Amino acid sequence: MQIAQIIAGCKKGHRDAQEALYRAYARVLFSICLKYSRNQAEAEDSLHDSFMIIYEKIGQYKSKGSFEGWLKRVTLNTVLQKYRKETYLNLVNEDIRQDSPEVEDLDDTNLNLGVLLQHIQSLPNKYRATFNLYVLDGYSHKEIAEMMGTSVGTSKSNLARARMLLKEKLIKDKVNFLRASQ
């Protein structure tokens, strides 16, 4: 089935077209969900929710621009919607510690990508989302603030806190590695 046929079928609610759409894009969209989720189970839930919204709103796609881009945007908005409701992490004027203890540079540490992903996934939701949007996806603080329903200052604060927490986790890993190798 061609993508235009799949889209047309989904607009009519045909299950075979919905299945074809899922098979064609689930892997790509799951990677977005995983990046913004704490674990695989949460990512799977987000992927399911995303496809339900995609099937419901596919009539809004007007064949202008990339269909995959539209799918990614719907998925990202679905994942972020969960975190917009969590106001307990809105940090407006948090005092970020600038005077953390001096440690060796982490640049010479061989980082395992899986370990880094685990550390990113272990960040609190708003920190993880802000970190991913800014560092991995290249959004500006203004764009992040609009997506997350916060202020630019909150976005900057959340990013600084996420970076600090990641640094602490990586330093702890390095110290533990050095102790274990002695």
C-alpha atoms as a PDB file:
ATOM      1  CA  MET A   1       0.000   0.000   0.000  1.00  0.00           C
ATOM      2  CA  GLN A   2       1.307   3.481  -0.861  1.00  0.00           C
ATOM      3  CA  ILE A   3       1.422   6.133   1.856  1.00  0.00           C
ATOM      4  CA  ALA A   4      -1.324   8.154   0.114  1.00  0.00           C
ATOM      5  CA  GLN A   5      -3.565   5.063   0.155  1.00  0.00           C
ATOM      6  CA  ILE A   6      -2.736   4.408   3.801  1.00  0.00           C
ATOM      7  CA  ILE A   7      -3.612   7.977   4.747  1.00  0.00           C
ATOM      8  CA  ALA A   8      -6.866   7.837   2.770  1.00  0.00           C
ATOM      9  CA  GLY A   9      -7.758   4.510   4.381  1.00  0.00           C
ATOM     10  CA  CYS A  10      -7.004   5.839   7.868  1.00  0.00           C
ATOM     11  CA  LYS A  11      -9.197   8.866   7.212  1.00  0.00           C
ATOM     12  CA  LYS A  12     -12.026   6.431   6.478  1.00  0.00           C
ATOM     13  CA  GLY A  13     -11.254   4.421   9.619  1.00  0.00           C
ATOM     14  CA  HIS A  14     -10.138   1.250   7.799  1.00  0.00           C
ATOM     15  CA  ARG A  15      -8.344  -1.100  10.198  1.00  0.00           C
ATOM     16  CA  ASP A  16      -6.001  -2.495   7.518  1.00  0.00           C
ATOM     17  CA  ALA A  17      -4.792   1.026   6.711  1.00  0.00           C
ATOM     18  CA  GLN A  18      -4.301   1.778  10.411  1.00  0.00           C
ATOM     19  CA  GLU A  19      -2.267  -1.403  10.789  1.00  0.00           C
ATOM     20  CA  ALA A  20      -0.165  -0.508   7.728  1.00  0.00           C
ATOM     21  CA  LEU A  21       0.463   2.956   9.173  1.00  0.00           C
ATOM     22  CA  TYR A  22       1.475   1.449  12.493  1.00  0.00           C
ATOM     23  CA  ARG A  23       3.851  -1.027  10.854  1.00  0.00           C
ATOM     24  CA  ALA A  24       5.413   1.702   8.717  1.00  0.00           C
ATOM     25  CA  TYR A  25       6.030   4.246  11.494  1.00  0.00           C
ATOM     26  CA  ALA A  26       5.915   2.533  14.902  1.00  0.00           C
ATOM     27  CA  ARG A  27       9.683   2.105  15.116  1.00  0.00           C
ATOM     28  CA  VAL A  28      10.447   5.756  14.334  1.00  0.00           C
ATOM     29  CA  LEU A  29       7.780   7.069  16.684  1.00  0.00           C
ATOM     30  CA  PHE A  30       8.752   4.640  19.440  1.00  0.00           C
ATOM     31  CA  SER A  31      12.266   6.101  19.462  1.00  0.00           C
ATOM     32  CA  ILE A  32      10.751   9.519  20.195  1.00  0.00           C
ATOM     33  CA  CYS A  33       8.598   8.062  22.971  1.00  0.00           C
ATOM     34  CA  LEU A  34      11.559   6.221  24.482  1.00  0.00           C
ATOM     35  CA  LYS A  35      13.700   9.339  24.468  1.00  0.00           C
ATOM     36  CA  TYR A  36      11.131  11.229  26.531  1.00  0.00           C
ATOM     37  CA  SER A  37      10.026   8.377  28.804  1.00  0.00           C
ATOM     38  CA  ARG A  38      11.452   6.878  31.976  1.00  0.00           C
ATOM     39  CA  ASN A  39      11.382   3.324  30.674  1.00  0.00           C
ATOM     40  CA  GLN A  40      10.206   1.062  27.879  1.00  0.00           C
ATOM     41  CA  ALA A  41       6.763   0.431  29.369  1.00  0.00           C
ATOM     42  CA  GLU A  42       6.049   4.162  29.638  1.00  0.00           C
ATOM     43  CA  ALA A  43       7.307   4.621  26.063  1.00  0.00           C
ATOM     44  CA  GLU A  44       4.997   1.856  24.842  1.00  0.00           C
ATOM     45  CA  ASP A  45       2.043   3.553  26.536  1.00  0.00           C
ATOM     46  CA  SER A  46       2.983   6.850  24.916  1.00  0.00           C
ATOM     47  CA  LEU A  47       3.297   5.185  21.509  1.00  0.00           C
ATOM     48  CA  HIS A  48      -0.168   3.669  21.909  1.00  0.00           C
ATOM     49  CA  ASP A  49      -1.623   7.024  22.972  1.00  0.00           C
ATOM     50  CA  SER A  50       0.108   8.714  20.041  1.00  0.00           C
ATOM     51  CA  PHE A  51      -1.358   6.333  17.486  1.00  0.00           C
ATOM     52  CA  MET A  52      -4.826   6.729  18.965  1.00  0.00           C
ATOM     53  CA  ILE A  53      -4.522  10.494  18.517  1.00  0.00           C
ATOM     54  CA  ILE A  54      -3.008  10.083  15.044  1.00  0.00           C
ATOM     55  CA  TYR A  55      -5.951   7.897  13.947  1.00  0.00           C
ATOM     56  CA  GLU A  56      -8.401  10.369  15.445  1.00  0.00           C
ATOM     57  CA  LYS A  57      -6.800  13.489  13.948  1.00  0.00           C
ATOM     58  CA  ILE A  58      -5.441  12.193  10.641  1.00  0.00           C
ATOM     59  CA  GLY A  59      -8.151  14.185   8.879  1.00  0.00           C
ATOM     60  CA  GLN A  60      -6.296  17.326   9.986  1.00  0.00           C
ATOM     61  CA  TYR A  61      -3.266  16.376   7.879  1.00  0.00           C
ATOM     62  CA  LYS A  62      -3.624  18.417   4.685  1.00  0.00           C
ATOM     63  CA  SER A  63      -0.811  16.776   2.637  1.00  0.00           C
ATOM     64  CA  LYS A  64       1.323  19.875   3.055  1.00  0.00           C
ATOM     65  CA  GLY A  65       4.789  19.139   4.354  1.00  0.00           C
ATOM     66  CA  SER A  66       6.208  15.843   5.466  1.00  0.00           C
ATOM     67  CA  PHE A  67       3.705  13.269   6.717  1.00  0.00           C
ATOM     68  CA  GLU A  68       6.406  11.701   8.873  1.00  0.00           C
ATOM     69  CA  GLY A  69       7.143  15.141  10.325  1.00  0.00           C
ATOM     70  CA  TRP A  70       3.452  15.537  11.173  1.00  0.00           C
ATOM     71  CA  LEU A  71       3.438  12.107  12.851  1.00  0.00           C
ATOM     72  CA  LYS A  72       6.540  12.998  14.866  1.00  0.00           C
ATOM     73  CA  ARG A  73       4.996  16.286  15.972  1.00  0.00           C
ATOM     74  CA  VAL A  74       1.785  14.575  17.111  1.00  0.00           C
ATOM     75  CA  THR A  75       3.846  11.983  18.994  1.00  0.00           C
ATOM     76  CA  LEU A  76       6.052  14.587  20.666  1.00  0.00           C
ATOM     77  CA  ASN A  77       3.015  16.633  21.697  1.00  0.00           C
ATOM     78  CA  THR A  78       1.330  13.509  23.072  1.00  0.00           C
ATOM     79  CA  VAL A  79       4.349  12.637  25.198  1.00  0.00           C
ATOM     80  CA  LEU A  80       4.834  16.208  26.405  1.00  0.00           C
ATOM     81  CA  GLN A  81       1.142  16.546  27.270  1.00  0.00           C
ATOM     82  CA  LYS A  82       1.720  14.157  30.172  1.00  0.00           C
ATOM     83  CA  TYR A  83       4.349  16.463  31.631  1.00  0.00           C
ATOM     84  CA  ARG A  84       2.482  19.728  31.136  1.00  0.00           C
ATOM     85  CA  LYS A  85       0.110  18.622  33.881  1.00  0.00           C
ATOM     86  CA  GLU A  86       2.910  18.072  36.400  1.00  0.00           C
ATOM     87  CA  THR A  87       3.217  21.541  37.848  1.00  0.00           C
ATOM     88  CA  TYR A  88       5.193  20.423  40.882  1.00  0.00           C
ATOM     89  CA  LEU A  89       8.408  20.618  38.847  1.00  0.00           C
ATOM     90  CA  ASN A  90       7.924  24.135  37.475  1.00  0.00           C
ATOM     91  CA  LEU A  91      11.120  25.803  38.558  1.00  0.00           C
ATOM     92  CA  VAL A  92      11.067  29.521  38.053  1.00  0.00           C
ATOM     93  CA  ASN A  93      13.858  30.876  40.217  1.00  0.00           C
ATOM     94  CA  GLU A  94      15.628  27.843  41.576  1.00  0.00           C
ATOM     95  CA  ASP A  95      19.120  28.581  42.836  1.00  0.00           C
ATOM     96  CA  ILE A  96      21.353  26.293  40.770  1.00  0.00           C
ATOM     97  CA  ARG A  97      24.583  25.421  42.553  1.00  0.00           C
ATOM     98  CA  GLN A  98      27.521  26.790  40.575  1.00  0.00           C
ATOM     99  CA  ASP A  99      30.078  25.782  43.157  1.00  0.00           C
ATOM    100  CA  SER A 100      29.980  22.000  42.813  1.00  0.00           C
ATOM    101  CA  PRO A 101      33.128  20.227  43.958  1.00  0.00           C
ATOM    102  CA  GLU A 102      35.971  20.132  41.491  1.00  0.00           C
ATOM    103  CA  VAL A 103      36.320  16.806  39.744  1.00  0.00           C
ATOM    104  CA  GLU A 104      38.292  15.403  36.874  1.00  0.00           C
ATOM    105  CA  ASP A 105      37.008  16.182  33.409  1.00  0.00           C
ATOM    106  CA  LEU A 106      34.554  13.623  32.124  1.00  0.00           C
ATOM    107  CA  ASP A 107      35.843  13.962  28.559  1.00  0.00           C
ATOM    108  CA  ASP A 108      38.349  11.152  29.003  1.00  0.00           C
ATOM    109  CA  THR A 109      35.694   8.724  30.222  1.00  0.00           C
ATOM    110  CA  ASN A 110      34.407   6.179  27.740  1.00  0.00           C
ATOM    111  CA  LEU A 111      30.654   6.562  28.075  1.00  0.00           C
ATOM    112  CA  ASN A 112      28.408   3.674  27.253  1.00  0.00           C
ATOM    113  CA  LEU A 113      25.447   5.000  25.266  1.00  0.00           C
ATOM    114  CA  GLY A 114      23.071   2.675  27.115  1.00  0.00           C
ATOM    115  CA  VAL A 115      24.248   3.994  30.490  1.00  0.00           C
ATOM    116  CA  LEU A 116      23.862   7.580  29.312  1.00  0.00           C
ATOM    117  CA  LEU A 117      20.332   6.837  28.076  1.00  0.00           C
ATOM    118  CA  GLN A 118      19.498   5.255  31.450  1.00  0.00           C
ATOM    119  CA  HIS A 119      20.703   8.373  33.244  1.00  0.00           C
ATOM    120  CA  ILE A 120      18.684  10.634  30.944  1.00  0.00           C
ATOM    121  CA  GLN A 121      15.605   8.456  31.453  1.00  0.00           C
ATOM    122  CA  SER A 122      16.060   8.608  35.223  1.00  0.00           C
ATOM    123  CA  LEU A 123      15.763  12.406  35.252  1.00  0.00           C
ATOM    124  CA  PRO A 124      12.503  13.864  36.563  1.00  0.00           C
ATOM    125  CA  ASN A 125       9.985  14.257  33.732  1.00  0.00           C
ATOM    126  CA  LYS A 126      10.259  17.983  33.102  1.00  0.00           C
ATOM    127  CA  TYR A 127      14.052  17.943  33.336  1.00  0.00           C
ATOM    128  CA  ARG A 128      14.244  15.001  30.929  1.00  0.00           C
ATOM    129  CA  ALA A 129      11.834  16.592  28.459  1.00  0.00           C
ATOM    130  CA  THR A 130      13.610  19.956  28.546  1.00  0.00           C
ATOM    131  CA  PHE A 131      17.041  18.323  28.196  1.00  0.00           C
ATOM    132  CA  ASN A 132      15.923  16.233  25.221  1.00  0.00           C
ATOM    133  CA  LEU A 133      14.150  19.103  23.484  1.00  0.00           C
ATOM    134  CA  TYR A 134      17.076  21.491  23.887  1.00  0.00           C
ATOM    135  CA  VAL A 135      20.151  19.259  23.622  1.00  0.00           C
ATOM    136  CA  LEU A 136      19.007  16.407  21.414  1.00  0.00           C
ATOM    137  CA  ASP A 137      16.315  18.022  19.270  1.00  0.00           C
ATOM    138  CA  GLY A 138      17.647  21.585  19.021  1.00  0.00           C
ATOM    139  CA  TYR A 139      14.593  23.544  20.148  1.00  0.00           C
ATOM    140  CA  SER A 140      15.063  27.028  21.619  1.00  0.00           C
ATOM    141  CA  HIS A 141      14.025  27.861  25.182  1.00  0.00           C
ATOM    142  CA  LYS A 142      11.167  29.936  23.781  1.00  0.00           C
ATOM    143  CA  GLU A 143       9.871  26.957  21.775  1.00  0.00           C
ATOM    144  CA  ILE A 144      10.281  24.636  24.749  1.00  0.00           C
ATOM    145  CA  ALA A 145       8.408  27.040  27.010  1.00  0.00           C
ATOM    146  CA  GLU A 146       5.507  27.110  24.544  1.00  0.00           C
ATOM    147  CA  MET A 147       5.434  23.308  24.199  1.00  0.00           C
ATOM    148  CA  MET A 148       5.680  22.694  27.940  1.00  0.00           C
ATOM    149  CA  GLY A 149       3.349  25.503  28.965  1.00  0.00           C
ATOM    150  CA  THR A 150       6.011  27.206  31.106  1.00  0.00           C
ATOM    151  CA  SER A 151       8.176  30.309  30.956  1.00  0.00           C
ATOM    152  CA  VAL A 152      11.530  30.722  29.215  1.00  0.00           C
ATOM    153  CA  GLY A 153      13.154  31.089  32.648  1.00  0.00           C
ATOM    154  CA  THR A 154      11.662  27.787  33.745  1.00  0.00           C
ATOM    155  CA  SER A 155      12.994  26.103  30.621  1.00  0.00           C
ATOM    156  CA  LYS A 156      16.485  27.447  31.295  1.00  0.00           C
ATOM    157  CA  SER A 157      16.305  26.441  34.935  1.00  0.00           C
ATOM    158  CA  ASN A 158      15.075  22.939  34.102  1.00  0.00           C
ATOM    159  CA  LEU A 159      17.898  22.503  31.588  1.00  0.00           C
ATOM    160  CA  ALA A 160      20.526  23.674  34.065  1.00  0.00           C
ATOM    161  CA  ARG A 161      19.173  21.331  36.719  1.00  0.00           C
ATOM    162  CA  ALA A 162      19.047  18.404  34.252  1.00  0.00           C
ATOM    163  CA  ARG A 163      22.650  19.006  33.232  1.00  0.00           C
ATOM    164  CA  MET A 164      23.732  19.217  36.845  1.00  0.00           C
ATOM    165  CA  LEU A 165      21.958  15.966  37.739  1.00  0.00           C
ATOM    166  CA  LEU A 166      23.435  14.180  34.715  1.00  0.00           C
ATOM    167  CA  LYS A 167      26.894  15.434  35.588  1.00  0.00           C
ATOM    168  CA  GLU A 168      26.509  14.197  39.158  1.00  0.00           C
ATOM    169  CA  LYS A 169      25.396  10.767  37.924  1.00  0.00           C
ATOM    170  CA  LEU A 170      28.285  10.534  35.452  1.00  0.00           C
ATOM    171  CA  ILE A 171      30.807  11.613  38.086  1.00  0.00           C
ATOM    172  CA  LYS A 172      29.419   9.017  40.474  1.00  0.00           C
ATOM    173  CA  ASP A 173      29.762   6.374  37.741  1.00  0.00           C
ATOM    174  CA  LYS A 174      33.349   7.431  37.097  1.00  0.00           C
ATOM    175  CA  VAL A 175      34.254   7.347  40.790  1.00  0.00           C
ATOM    176  CA  ASN A 176      32.649   3.910  41.162  1.00  0.00           C
ATOM    177  CA  PHE A 177      34.500   2.684  38.066  1.00  0.00           C
ATOM    178  CA  LEU A 178      37.822   3.965  39.382  1.00  0.00           C
ATOM    179  CA  ARG A 179      37.228   2.348  42.788  1.00  0.00           C
ATOM    180  CA  ALA A 180      36.303  -0.960  41.168  1.00  0.00           C
ATOM    181  CA  SER A 181      39.416  -0.973  38.987  1.00  0.00           C
ATOM    182  CA  GLN A 182      41.797  -0.457  41.908  1.00  0.00           C
END
